[in-house]
């Protein structure tokens, strides 16, 4: 017997022509693969199964199972398109050396130094105003006590904080030099101990800090000009300190009164030194006055 193709819809067997057909000529259903009824194939190789039913019986639709209520979909995070890249691992920050940690305190100590010397200058000017007032009228003991307290407190705290700021600034200079020479692929020719001693040793610290700073800004004219301004102010501050100490040896009343003005002027120069030192630090580090990254001004030439 010739091979036949069985319709999957109506179940009619159709003889196979030269090539197997795909659609049933009667109901347009799908024809199964050809098979020979005289040689039944094993069940494992069939792609269909025989179903017995009465002639004329309709094919009952397959019952659909009642779909139960499914839970509401939920997500751990907002669904989105694309690939989720894990955030880059934060680089491990090394604790740093003691010199680096001390250098990070330099800006804060310089601000504190400027504020304390400003308070000292105001206290000296207030004392001088009381001296002028005392020429014609008596001064209340309470006012005198307040004036003496301000002068004494500022006279003790300001120098102590200034020394700490100087040590921190020297430590900052060591780190700044190492970073500057490292960017150019070189090594700082000066040892850290040499830089620190040159910045903190009296008399030597009038010259060497300016030399160390100029070595950092060989190609930056604005930074070199700022360093020179700081250098001159630093030398003037040292001269005012010597003058203030020498003036105290005078015994006359007028000399002591003038000494109050000299002390106030010395404090004001110290304020300028602290502010300019902070400005030099910010300039070398590429930061603005407030410590934020400096914004570069770009000029556009319109033709």
C-alpha atoms as a PDB file:
ATOM      1  CA  UNK A   1       0.000   0.000   0.000  1.00  0.00           C
ATOM      2  CA  UNK A   2       1.270   3.459  -0.841  1.00  0.00           C
ATOM      3  CA  UNK A   3       2.243   5.906   1.859  1.00  0.00           C
ATOM      4  CA  UNK A   4      -0.386   8.282   3.133  1.00  0.00           C
ATOM      5  CA  UNK A   5      -0.524  11.559   5.040  1.00  0.00           C
ATOM      6  CA  UNK A   6      -3.063  11.952   7.826  1.00  0.00           C
ATOM      7  CA  UNK A   7      -4.763  15.325   8.426  1.00  0.00           C
ATOM      8  CA  UNK A   8      -4.324  16.530  11.966  1.00  0.00           C
ATOM      9  CA  UNK A   9      -7.731  18.273  11.869  1.00  0.00           C
ATOM     10  CA  UNK A  10     -10.159  15.955  10.071  1.00  0.00           C
ATOM     11  CA  UNK A  11      -8.192  12.691  10.335  1.00  0.00           C
ATOM     12  CA  UNK A  12      -8.570  11.781   6.642  1.00  0.00           C
ATOM     13  CA  UNK A  13      -5.701   9.828   5.070  1.00  0.00           C
ATOM     14  CA  UNK A  14      -4.462  11.272   1.779  1.00  0.00           C
ATOM     15  CA  UNK A  15      -2.146   9.444  -0.618  1.00  0.00           C
ATOM     16  CA  UNK A  16       1.266  11.024  -0.904  1.00  0.00           C
ATOM     17  CA  UNK A  17       1.944  12.559  -4.357  1.00  0.00           C
ATOM     18  CA  UNK A  18       5.408  12.955  -5.825  1.00  0.00           C
ATOM     19  CA  UNK A  19       6.346  15.233  -2.915  1.00  0.00           C
ATOM     20  CA  UNK A  20       4.684  15.314   0.507  1.00  0.00           C
ATOM     21  CA  UNK A  21       1.971  17.958   0.860  1.00  0.00           C
ATOM     22  CA  UNK A  22       1.583  20.344   3.803  1.00  0.00           C
ATOM     23  CA  UNK A  23      -2.118  21.231   3.832  1.00  0.00           C
ATOM     24  CA  UNK A  24      -5.173  18.981   3.784  1.00  0.00           C
ATOM     25  CA  UNK A  25      -7.126  19.329   0.475  1.00  0.00           C
ATOM     26  CA  UNK A  26     -10.420  18.882   2.330  1.00  0.00           C
ATOM     27  CA  UNK A  27     -10.258  21.049   5.489  1.00  0.00           C
ATOM     28  CA  UNK A  28      -6.985  22.866   4.942  1.00  0.00           C
ATOM     29  CA  UNK A  29      -5.621  21.372   8.101  1.00  0.00           C
ATOM     30  CA  UNK A  30      -2.003  20.420   8.654  1.00  0.00           C
ATOM     31  CA  UNK A  31      -0.913  17.093   7.135  1.00  0.00           C
ATOM     32  CA  UNK A  32       1.342  14.923   9.234  1.00  0.00           C
ATOM     33  CA  UNK A  33       4.472  13.328   7.880  1.00  0.00           C
ATOM     34  CA  UNK A  34       4.009  10.424   5.396  1.00  0.00           C
ATOM     35  CA  UNK A  35       3.578   6.931   6.837  1.00  0.00           C
ATOM     36  CA  UNK A  36       3.000   3.451   5.362  1.00  0.00           C
ATOM     37  CA  UNK A  37      -0.039   1.707   6.940  1.00  0.00           C
ATOM     38  CA  UNK A  38       1.326  -1.701   5.918  1.00  0.00           C
ATOM     39  CA  UNK A  39       4.470  -1.121   7.933  1.00  0.00           C
ATOM     40  CA  UNK A  40       3.518   0.557  11.186  1.00  0.00           C
ATOM     41  CA  UNK A  41       6.293   2.604  12.798  1.00  0.00           C
ATOM     42  CA  UNK A  42       7.187   2.241  16.472  1.00  0.00           C
ATOM     43  CA  UNK A  43       5.391   4.623  18.844  1.00  0.00           C
ATOM     44  CA  UNK A  44       8.665   6.311  19.735  1.00  0.00           C
ATOM     45  CA  UNK A  45       9.224   7.401  16.106  1.00  0.00           C
ATOM     46  CA  UNK A  46       5.730   8.677  15.399  1.00  0.00           C
ATOM     47  CA  UNK A  47       4.959  12.363  15.336  1.00  0.00           C
ATOM     48  CA  UNK A  48       1.213  11.671  15.756  1.00  0.00           C
ATOM     49  CA  UNK A  49      -1.073   9.237  17.579  1.00  0.00           C
ATOM     50  CA  UNK A  50      -4.209   7.385  16.365  1.00  0.00           C
ATOM     51  CA  UNK A  51      -7.462   8.313  18.060  1.00  0.00           C
ATOM     52  CA  UNK A  52     -10.601   6.135  17.548  1.00  0.00           C
ATOM     53  CA  UNK A  53     -13.966   7.910  17.273  1.00  0.00           C
ATOM     54  CA  UNK A  54     -17.362   7.227  15.749  1.00  0.00           C
ATOM     55  CA  UNK A  55     -18.110   8.293  12.203  1.00  0.00           C
ATOM     56  CA  UNK A  56     -19.493  11.825  12.094  1.00  0.00           C
ATOM     57  CA  UNK A  57     -18.436  12.616  15.637  1.00  0.00           C
ATOM     58  CA  UNK A  58     -17.129  16.099  16.206  1.00  0.00           C
ATOM     59  CA  UNK A  59     -13.792  16.715  17.794  1.00  0.00           C
ATOM     60  CA  UNK A  60     -14.403  17.941  21.284  1.00  0.00           C
ATOM     61  CA  UNK A  61     -12.367  20.988  22.145  1.00  0.00           C
ATOM     62  CA  UNK A  62      -9.702  20.366  24.732  1.00  0.00           C
ATOM     63  CA  UNK A  63     -10.854  21.634  28.108  1.00  0.00           C
ATOM     64  CA  UNK A  64      -9.039  24.694  29.359  1.00  0.00           C
ATOM     65  CA  UNK A  65      -7.998  24.650  32.914  1.00  0.00           C
ATOM     66  CA  UNK A  66      -9.249  27.457  35.057  1.00  0.00           C
ATOM     67  CA  UNK A  67      -6.405  29.825  35.614  1.00  0.00           C
ATOM     68  CA  UNK A  68      -6.071  30.803  39.213  1.00  0.00           C
ATOM     69  CA  UNK A  69      -5.137  34.260  40.382  1.00  0.00           C
ATOM     70  CA  UNK A  70      -1.412  34.778  40.159  1.00  0.00           C
ATOM     71  CA  UNK A  71       0.469  37.017  42.566  1.00  0.00           C
ATOM     72  CA  UNK A  72       1.189  40.584  41.579  1.00  0.00           C
ATOM     73  CA  UNK A  73       4.627  40.843  39.971  1.00  0.00           C
ATOM     74  CA  UNK A  74       7.152  42.618  42.151  1.00  0.00           C
ATOM     75  CA  UNK A  75      10.731  43.675  41.573  1.00  0.00           C
ATOM     76  CA  UNK A  76      13.595  44.324  43.911  1.00  0.00           C
ATOM     77  CA  UNK A  77      14.581  47.349  41.852  1.00  0.00           C
ATOM     78  CA  UNK A  78      13.137  49.466  39.051  1.00  0.00           C
ATOM     79  CA  UNK A  79      13.197  47.500  35.740  1.00  0.00           C
ATOM     80  CA  UNK A  80      15.305  49.232  33.115  1.00  0.00           C
ATOM     81  CA  UNK A  81      16.916  48.549  29.803  1.00  0.00           C
ATOM     82  CA  UNK A  82      20.605  48.015  29.332  1.00  0.00           C
ATOM     83  CA  UNK A  83      23.340  46.310  31.248  1.00  0.00           C
ATOM     84  CA  UNK A  84      23.957  47.049  34.877  1.00  0.00           C
ATOM     85  CA  UNK A  85      27.581  47.935  35.379  1.00  0.00           C
ATOM     86  CA  UNK A  86      28.820  47.509  38.925  1.00  0.00           C
ATOM     87  CA  UNK A  87      30.231  50.733  40.379  1.00  0.00           C
ATOM     88  CA  UNK A  88      34.013  50.908  40.281  1.00  0.00           C
ATOM     89  CA  UNK A  89      35.683  49.971  43.503  1.00  0.00           C
ATOM     90  CA  UNK A  90      36.844  52.989  45.444  1.00  0.00           C
ATOM     91  CA  UNK A  91      40.624  53.142  45.632  1.00  0.00           C
ATOM     92  CA  UNK A  92      41.980  52.337  49.019  1.00  0.00           C
ATOM     93  CA  UNK A  93      43.339  55.465  50.604  1.00  0.00           C
ATOM     94  CA  UNK A  94      46.614  55.013  52.368  1.00  0.00           C
ATOM     95  CA  UNK A  95      46.765  56.503  55.855  1.00  0.00           C
ATOM     96  CA  UNK A  96      49.722  58.675  54.791  1.00  0.00           C
ATOM     97  CA  UNK A  97      52.768  59.659  56.751  1.00  0.00           C
ATOM     98  CA  UNK A  98      52.829  61.954  59.735  1.00  0.00           C
ATOM     99  CA  UNK A  99      54.236  64.738  57.574  1.00  0.00           C
ATOM    100  CA  UNK A 100      51.364  64.441  55.081  1.00  0.00           C
ATOM    101  CA  UNK A 101      48.736  64.467  57.822  1.00  0.00           C
ATOM    102  CA  UNK A 102      50.324  67.537  59.392  1.00  0.00           C
ATOM    103  CA  UNK A 103      50.470  69.270  56.000  1.00  0.00           C
ATOM    104  CA  UNK A 104      46.715  68.785  55.558  1.00  0.00           C
ATOM    105  CA  UNK A 105      46.143  70.893  58.703  1.00  0.00           C
ATOM    106  CA  UNK A 106      48.094  73.866  57.346  1.00  0.00           C
ATOM    107  CA  UNK A 107      45.138  75.765  55.783  1.00  0.00           C
ATOM    108  CA  UNK A 108      43.049  75.465  58.950  1.00  0.00           C
ATOM    109  CA  UNK A 109      45.913  76.579  61.186  1.00  0.00           C
ATOM    110  CA  UNK A 110      46.684  79.528  58.902  1.00  0.00           C
ATOM    111  CA  UNK A 111      43.076  80.724  59.063  1.00  0.00           C
ATOM    112  CA  UNK A 112      43.154  80.420  62.862  1.00  0.00           C
ATOM    113  CA  UNK A 113      46.449  82.336  62.947  1.00  0.00           C
ATOM    114  CA  UNK A 114      45.040  85.160  60.840  1.00  0.00           C
ATOM    115  CA  UNK A 115      41.956  85.431  63.055  1.00  0.00           C
ATOM    116  CA  UNK A 116      43.951  85.459  66.307  1.00  0.00           C
ATOM    117  CA  UNK A 117      46.380  88.113  65.074  1.00  0.00           C
ATOM    118  CA  UNK A 118      43.426  90.175  63.831  1.00  0.00           C
ATOM    119  CA  UNK A 119      41.907  89.968  67.311  1.00  0.00           C
ATOM    120  CA  UNK A 120      45.294  90.956  68.749  1.00  0.00           C
ATOM    121  CA  UNK A 121      45.515  93.991  66.455  1.00  0.00           C
ATOM    122  CA  UNK A 122      42.016  95.119  67.449  1.00  0.00           C
ATOM    123  CA  UNK A 123      42.880  94.624  71.115  1.00  0.00           C
ATOM    124  CA  UNK A 124      46.029  96.768  70.760  1.00  0.00           C
ATOM    125  CA  UNK A 125      44.095  99.498  68.944  1.00  0.00           C
ATOM    126  CA  UNK A 126      41.442  99.389  71.671  1.00  0.00           C
ATOM    127  CA  UNK A 127      44.177  99.771  74.292  1.00  0.00           C
ATOM    128  CA  UNK A 128      45.637 102.745  72.417  1.00  0.00           C
ATOM    129  CA  UNK A 129      42.193 104.372  72.294  1.00  0.00           C
ATOM    130  CA  UNK A 130      41.930 103.909  76.071  1.00  0.00           C
ATOM    131  CA  UNK A 131      45.322 105.577  76.510  1.00  0.00           C
ATOM    132  CA  UNK A 132      44.132 108.589  74.539  1.00  0.00           C
ATOM    133  CA  UNK A 133      40.921 108.691  76.549  1.00  0.00           C
ATOM    134  CA  UNK A 134      42.856 108.439  79.816  1.00  0.00           C
ATOM    135  CA  UNK A 135      44.568 111.749  79.094  1.00  0.00           C
ATOM    136  CA  UNK A 136      41.358 113.642  79.870  1.00  0.00           C
ATOM    137  CA  UNK A 137      39.226 111.236  81.929  1.00  0.00           C
ATOM    138  CA  UNK A 138      39.493 108.172  84.098  1.00  0.00           C
ATOM    139  CA  UNK A 139      38.895 104.697  82.659  1.00  0.00           C
ATOM    140  CA  UNK A 140      36.699 102.130  84.376  1.00  0.00           C
ATOM    141  CA  UNK A 141      38.680  99.269  85.970  1.00  0.00           C
ATOM    142  CA  UNK A 142      36.334  96.783  84.240  1.00  0.00           C
ATOM    143  CA  UNK A 143      37.151  98.216  80.824  1.00  0.00           C
ATOM    144  CA  UNK A 144      40.859  98.104  81.637  1.00  0.00           C
ATOM    145  CA  UNK A 145      40.547  94.467  82.731  1.00  0.00           C
ATOM    146  CA  UNK A 146      38.773  93.542  79.500  1.00  0.00           C
ATOM    147  CA  UNK A 147      41.435  95.319  77.438  1.00  0.00           C
ATOM    148  CA  UNK A 148      44.292  93.649  79.308  1.00  0.00           C
ATOM    149  CA  UNK A 149      42.591  90.252  79.002  1.00  0.00           C
ATOM    150  CA  UNK A 150      42.159  90.572  75.235  1.00  0.00           C
ATOM    151  CA  UNK A 151      45.756  91.687  74.721  1.00  0.00           C
ATOM    152  CA  UNK A 152      47.147  88.933  76.957  1.00  0.00           C
ATOM    153  CA  UNK A 153      45.004  86.163  75.448  1.00  0.00           C
ATOM    154  CA  UNK A 154      45.802  87.165  71.881  1.00  0.00           C
ATOM    155  CA  UNK A 155      49.465  87.662  72.762  1.00  0.00           C
ATOM    156  CA  UNK A 156      49.715  84.072  74.030  1.00  0.00           C
ATOM    157  CA  UNK A 157      47.424  82.159  71.667  1.00  0.00           C
ATOM    158  CA  UNK A 158      48.417  83.826  68.389  1.00  0.00           C
ATOM    159  CA  UNK A 159      52.162  82.995  68.564  1.00  0.00           C
ATOM    160  CA  UNK A 160      51.469  79.402  69.654  1.00  0.00           C
ATOM    161  CA  UNK A 161      49.073  78.788  66.770  1.00  0.00           C
ATOM    162  CA  UNK A 162      51.465  80.591  64.402  1.00  0.00           C
ATOM    163  CA  UNK A 163      54.288  78.187  65.318  1.00  0.00           C
ATOM    164  CA  UNK A 164      51.974  75.214  64.700  1.00  0.00           C
ATOM    165  CA  UNK A 165      50.925  76.736  61.371  1.00  0.00           C
ATOM    166  CA  UNK A 166      54.579  77.203  60.399  1.00  0.00           C
ATOM    167  CA  UNK A 167      55.333  73.531  61.122  1.00  0.00           C
ATOM    168  CA  UNK A 168      52.256  72.433  59.163  1.00  0.00           C
ATOM    169  CA  UNK A 169      53.177  74.727  56.262  1.00  0.00           C
ATOM    170  CA  UNK A 170      56.675  73.238  56.124  1.00  0.00           C
ATOM    171  CA  UNK A 171      55.133  69.757  55.999  1.00  0.00           C
ATOM    172  CA  UNK A 172      52.814  70.898  53.211  1.00  0.00           C
ATOM    173  CA  UNK A 173      55.811  72.236  51.277  1.00  0.00           C
ATOM    174  CA  UNK A 174      57.488  68.814  51.444  1.00  0.00           C
ATOM    175  CA  UNK A 175      54.404  67.157  49.935  1.00  0.00           C
ATOM    176  CA  UNK A 176      53.911  69.897  47.331  1.00  0.00           C
ATOM    177  CA  UNK A 177      57.504  69.588  46.141  1.00  0.00           C
ATOM    178  CA  UNK A 178      57.245  65.792  45.919  1.00  0.00           C
ATOM    179  CA  UNK A 179      54.031  66.069  43.873  1.00  0.00           C
ATOM    180  CA  UNK A 180      55.427  68.766  41.554  1.00  0.00           C
ATOM    181  CA  UNK A 181      58.648  66.903  40.809  1.00  0.00           C
ATOM    182  CA  UNK A 182      56.730  63.628  40.461  1.00  0.00           C
ATOM    183  CA  UNK A 183      54.496  65.102  37.729  1.00  0.00           C
ATOM    184  CA  UNK A 184      57.591  65.932  35.687  1.00  0.00           C
ATOM    185  CA  UNK A 185      59.094  62.479  36.205  1.00  0.00           C
ATOM    186  CA  UNK A 186      61.814  63.684  38.560  1.00  0.00           C
ATOM    187  CA  UNK A 187      62.692  63.276  42.208  1.00  0.00           C
ATOM    188  CA  UNK A 188      62.944  66.160  44.648  1.00  0.00           C
ATOM    189  CA  UNK A 189      66.688  66.856  44.996  1.00  0.00           C
ATOM    190  CA  UNK A 190      66.172  68.164  48.523  1.00  0.00           C
ATOM    191  CA  UNK A 191      65.500  65.834  51.417  1.00  0.00           C
ATOM    192  CA  UNK A 192      62.357  66.423  53.515  1.00  0.00           C
ATOM    193  CA  UNK A 193      64.441  67.091  56.632  1.00  0.00           C
ATOM    194  CA  UNK A 194      66.411  69.746  54.749  1.00  0.00           C
ATOM    195  CA  UNK A 195      63.216  71.517  53.652  1.00  0.00           C
ATOM    196  CA  UNK A 196      61.674  71.426  57.127  1.00  0.00           C
ATOM    197  CA  UNK A 197      64.828  72.701  58.848  1.00  0.00           C
ATOM    198  CA  UNK A 198      65.202  75.450  56.254  1.00  0.00           C
ATOM    199  CA  UNK A 199      61.636  76.619  56.910  1.00  0.00           C
ATOM    200  CA  UNK A 200      61.750  76.501  60.716  1.00  0.00           C
ATOM    201  CA  UNK A 201      65.306  77.609  61.569  1.00  0.00           C
ATOM    202  CA  UNK A 202      65.423  81.321  62.518  1.00  0.00           C
ATOM    203  CA  UNK A 203      67.271  83.619  60.093  1.00  0.00           C
ATOM    204  CA  UNK A 204      67.461  80.805  57.511  1.00  0.00           C
ATOM    205  CA  UNK A 205      63.672  80.820  57.231  1.00  0.00           C
ATOM    206  CA  UNK A 206      63.845  84.368  55.862  1.00  0.00           C
ATOM    207  CA  UNK A 207      65.495  83.109  52.666  1.00  0.00           C
ATOM    208  CA  UNK A 208      65.097  79.373  52.140  1.00  0.00           C
ATOM    209  CA  UNK A 209      61.262  79.092  52.071  1.00  0.00           C
ATOM    210  CA  UNK A 210      61.151  81.528  49.157  1.00  0.00           C
ATOM    211  CA  UNK A 211      63.823  79.516  47.350  1.00  0.00           C
ATOM    212  CA  UNK A 212      61.928  76.269  47.903  1.00  0.00           C
ATOM    213  CA  UNK A 213      58.702  77.815  46.633  1.00  0.00           C
ATOM    214  CA  UNK A 214      60.303  79.350  43.547  1.00  0.00           C
ATOM    215  CA  UNK A 215      61.582  75.922  42.546  1.00  0.00           C
ATOM    216  CA  UNK A 216      57.940  74.803  42.308  1.00  0.00           C
ATOM    217  CA  UNK A 217      56.829  77.602  39.980  1.00  0.00           C
ATOM    218  CA  UNK A 218      59.654  77.942  37.481  1.00  0.00           C
ATOM    219  CA  UNK A 219      57.272  78.156  34.504  1.00  0.00           C
ATOM    220  CA  UNK A 220      54.282  79.944  36.072  1.00  0.00           C
ATOM    221  CA  UNK A 221      54.682  83.705  36.113  1.00  0.00           C
ATOM    222  CA  UNK A 222      51.577  84.463  38.200  1.00  0.00           C
ATOM    223  CA  UNK A 223      52.574  81.987  40.874  1.00  0.00           C
ATOM    224  CA  UNK A 224      56.121  83.366  40.988  1.00  0.00           C
ATOM    225  CA  UNK A 225      54.798  86.918  41.417  1.00  0.00           C
ATOM    226  CA  UNK A 226      52.550  85.787  44.265  1.00  0.00           C
ATOM    227  CA  UNK A 227      55.496  84.014  45.907  1.00  0.00           C
ATOM    228  CA  UNK A 228      57.615  87.157  45.646  1.00  0.00           C
ATOM    229  CA  UNK A 229      54.857  89.214  47.254  1.00  0.00           C
ATOM    230  CA  UNK A 230      54.636  86.670  50.056  1.00  0.00           C
ATOM    231  CA  UNK A 231      58.424  86.691  50.423  1.00  0.00           C
ATOM    232  CA  UNK A 232      58.548  90.482  50.845  1.00  0.00           C
ATOM    233  CA  UNK A 233      55.655  90.448  53.330  1.00  0.00           C
ATOM    234  CA  UNK A 234      57.311  87.634  55.275  1.00  0.00           C
ATOM    235  CA  UNK A 235      60.547  89.646  55.538  1.00  0.00           C
ATOM    236  CA  UNK A 236      58.642  92.769  56.605  1.00  0.00           C
ATOM    237  CA  UNK A 237      56.828  90.720  59.252  1.00  0.00           C
ATOM    238  CA  UNK A 238      60.138  89.476  60.644  1.00  0.00           C
ATOM    239  CA  UNK A 239      61.471  93.039  60.747  1.00  0.00           C
ATOM    240  CA  UNK A 240      58.316  94.248  62.526  1.00  0.00           C
ATOM    241  CA  UNK A 241      58.686  91.470  65.103  1.00  0.00           C
ATOM    242  CA  UNK A 242      62.261  92.535  65.870  1.00  0.00           C
ATOM    243  CA  UNK A 243      61.167  96.185  66.069  1.00  0.00           C
ATOM    244  CA  UNK A 244      58.299  95.305  68.403  1.00  0.00           C
ATOM    245  CA  UNK A 245      60.584  93.388  70.764  1.00  0.00           C
ATOM    246  CA  UNK A 246      63.196  96.167  70.736  1.00  0.00           C
ATOM    247  CA  UNK A 247      60.601  98.884  71.370  1.00  0.00           C
ATOM    248  CA  UNK A 248      59.602  97.318  74.664  1.00  0.00           C
ATOM    249  CA  UNK A 249      62.955  98.310  76.168  1.00  0.00           C
ATOM    250  CA  UNK A 250      61.905 101.982  76.204  1.00  0.00           C
ATOM    251  CA  UNK A 251      60.704 103.261  79.570  1.00  0.00           C
ATOM    252  CA  UNK A 252      58.997 106.571  78.759  1.00  0.00           C
ATOM    253  CA  UNK A 253      55.208 106.790  78.701  1.00  0.00           C
ATOM    254  CA  UNK A 254      55.114 108.119  75.162  1.00  0.00           C
ATOM    255  CA  UNK A 255      57.406 105.310  73.958  1.00  0.00           C
ATOM    256  CA  UNK A 256      55.144 102.725  75.586  1.00  0.00           C
ATOM    257  CA  UNK A 257      52.110 104.311  73.970  1.00  0.00           C
ATOM    258  CA  UNK A 258      53.839 104.213  70.605  1.00  0.00           C
ATOM    259  CA  UNK A 259      54.773 100.610  71.347  1.00  0.00           C
ATOM    260  CA  UNK A 260      51.071  99.774  71.408  1.00  0.00           C
ATOM    261  CA  UNK A 261      50.756 101.061  67.841  1.00  0.00           C
ATOM    262  CA  UNK A 262      53.866  99.125  66.819  1.00  0.00           C
ATOM    263  CA  UNK A 263      52.344  95.952  68.299  1.00  0.00           C
ATOM    264  CA  UNK A 264      49.079  96.548  66.433  1.00  0.00           C
ATOM    265  CA  UNK A 265      50.949  97.107  63.172  1.00  0.00           C
ATOM    266  CA  UNK A 266      52.990  93.940  63.770  1.00  0.00           C
ATOM    267  CA  UNK A 267      49.805  91.939  64.258  1.00  0.00           C
ATOM    268  CA  UNK A 268      48.336  93.327  61.034  1.00  0.00           C
ATOM    269  CA  UNK A 269      51.454  92.343  59.088  1.00  0.00           C
ATOM    270  CA  UNK A 270      51.194  88.868  60.643  1.00  0.00           C
ATOM    271  CA  UNK A 271      47.611  88.659  59.370  1.00  0.00           C
ATOM    272  CA  UNK A 272      48.835  89.551  55.875  1.00  0.00           C
ATOM    273  CA  UNK A 273      51.573  86.898  56.068  1.00  0.00           C
ATOM    274  CA  UNK A 274      49.089  84.199  57.087  1.00  0.00           C
ATOM    275  CA  UNK A 275      46.630  85.153  54.342  1.00  0.00           C
ATOM    276  CA  UNK A 276      49.330  85.287  51.657  1.00  0.00           C
ATOM    277  CA  UNK A 277      50.741  81.941  52.813  1.00  0.00           C
ATOM    278  CA  UNK A 278      47.315  80.391  52.376  1.00  0.00           C
ATOM    279  CA  UNK A 279      46.972  82.055  48.959  1.00  0.00           C
ATOM    280  CA  UNK A 280      50.315  80.598  47.845  1.00  0.00           C
ATOM    281  CA  UNK A 281      49.226  77.135  48.986  1.00  0.00           C
ATOM    282  CA  UNK A 282      45.957  77.362  47.080  1.00  0.00           C
ATOM    283  CA  UNK A 283      47.767  78.625  43.993  1.00  0.00           C
ATOM    284  CA  UNK A 284      50.348  75.842  44.012  1.00  0.00           C
ATOM    285  CA  UNK A 285      47.657  73.195  44.599  1.00  0.00           C
ATOM    286  CA  UNK A 286      45.556  74.562  41.718  1.00  0.00           C
ATOM    287  CA  UNK A 287      42.688  75.560  44.022  1.00  0.00           C
ATOM    288  CA  UNK A 288      40.686  78.721  44.513  1.00  0.00           C
ATOM    289  CA  UNK A 289      40.674  80.893  47.619  1.00  0.00           C
ATOM    290  CA  UNK A 290      37.918  78.775  49.196  1.00  0.00           C
ATOM    291  CA  UNK A 291      39.746  75.514  48.513  1.00  0.00           C
ATOM    292  CA  UNK A 292      37.673  74.449  45.499  1.00  0.00           C
ATOM    293  CA  UNK A 293      39.192  73.617  42.094  1.00  0.00           C
ATOM    294  CA  UNK A 294      40.011  76.832  40.262  1.00  0.00           C
ATOM    295  CA  UNK A 295      37.924  77.469  37.115  1.00  0.00           C
ATOM    296  CA  UNK A 296      39.944  78.383  34.073  1.00  0.00           C
ATOM    297  CA  UNK A 297      38.829  81.416  32.065  1.00  0.00           C
ATOM    298  CA  UNK A 298      38.539  80.658  28.361  1.00  0.00           C
ATOM    299  CA  UNK A 299      38.601  83.494  25.842  1.00  0.00           C
ATOM    300  CA  UNK A 300      36.933  83.113  22.442  1.00  0.00           C
ATOM    301  CA  UNK A 301      38.170  85.359  19.637  1.00  0.00           C
ATOM    302  CA  UNK A 302      35.321  86.269  17.275  1.00  0.00           C
ATOM    303  CA  UNK A 303      36.484  86.893  13.721  1.00  0.00           C
END
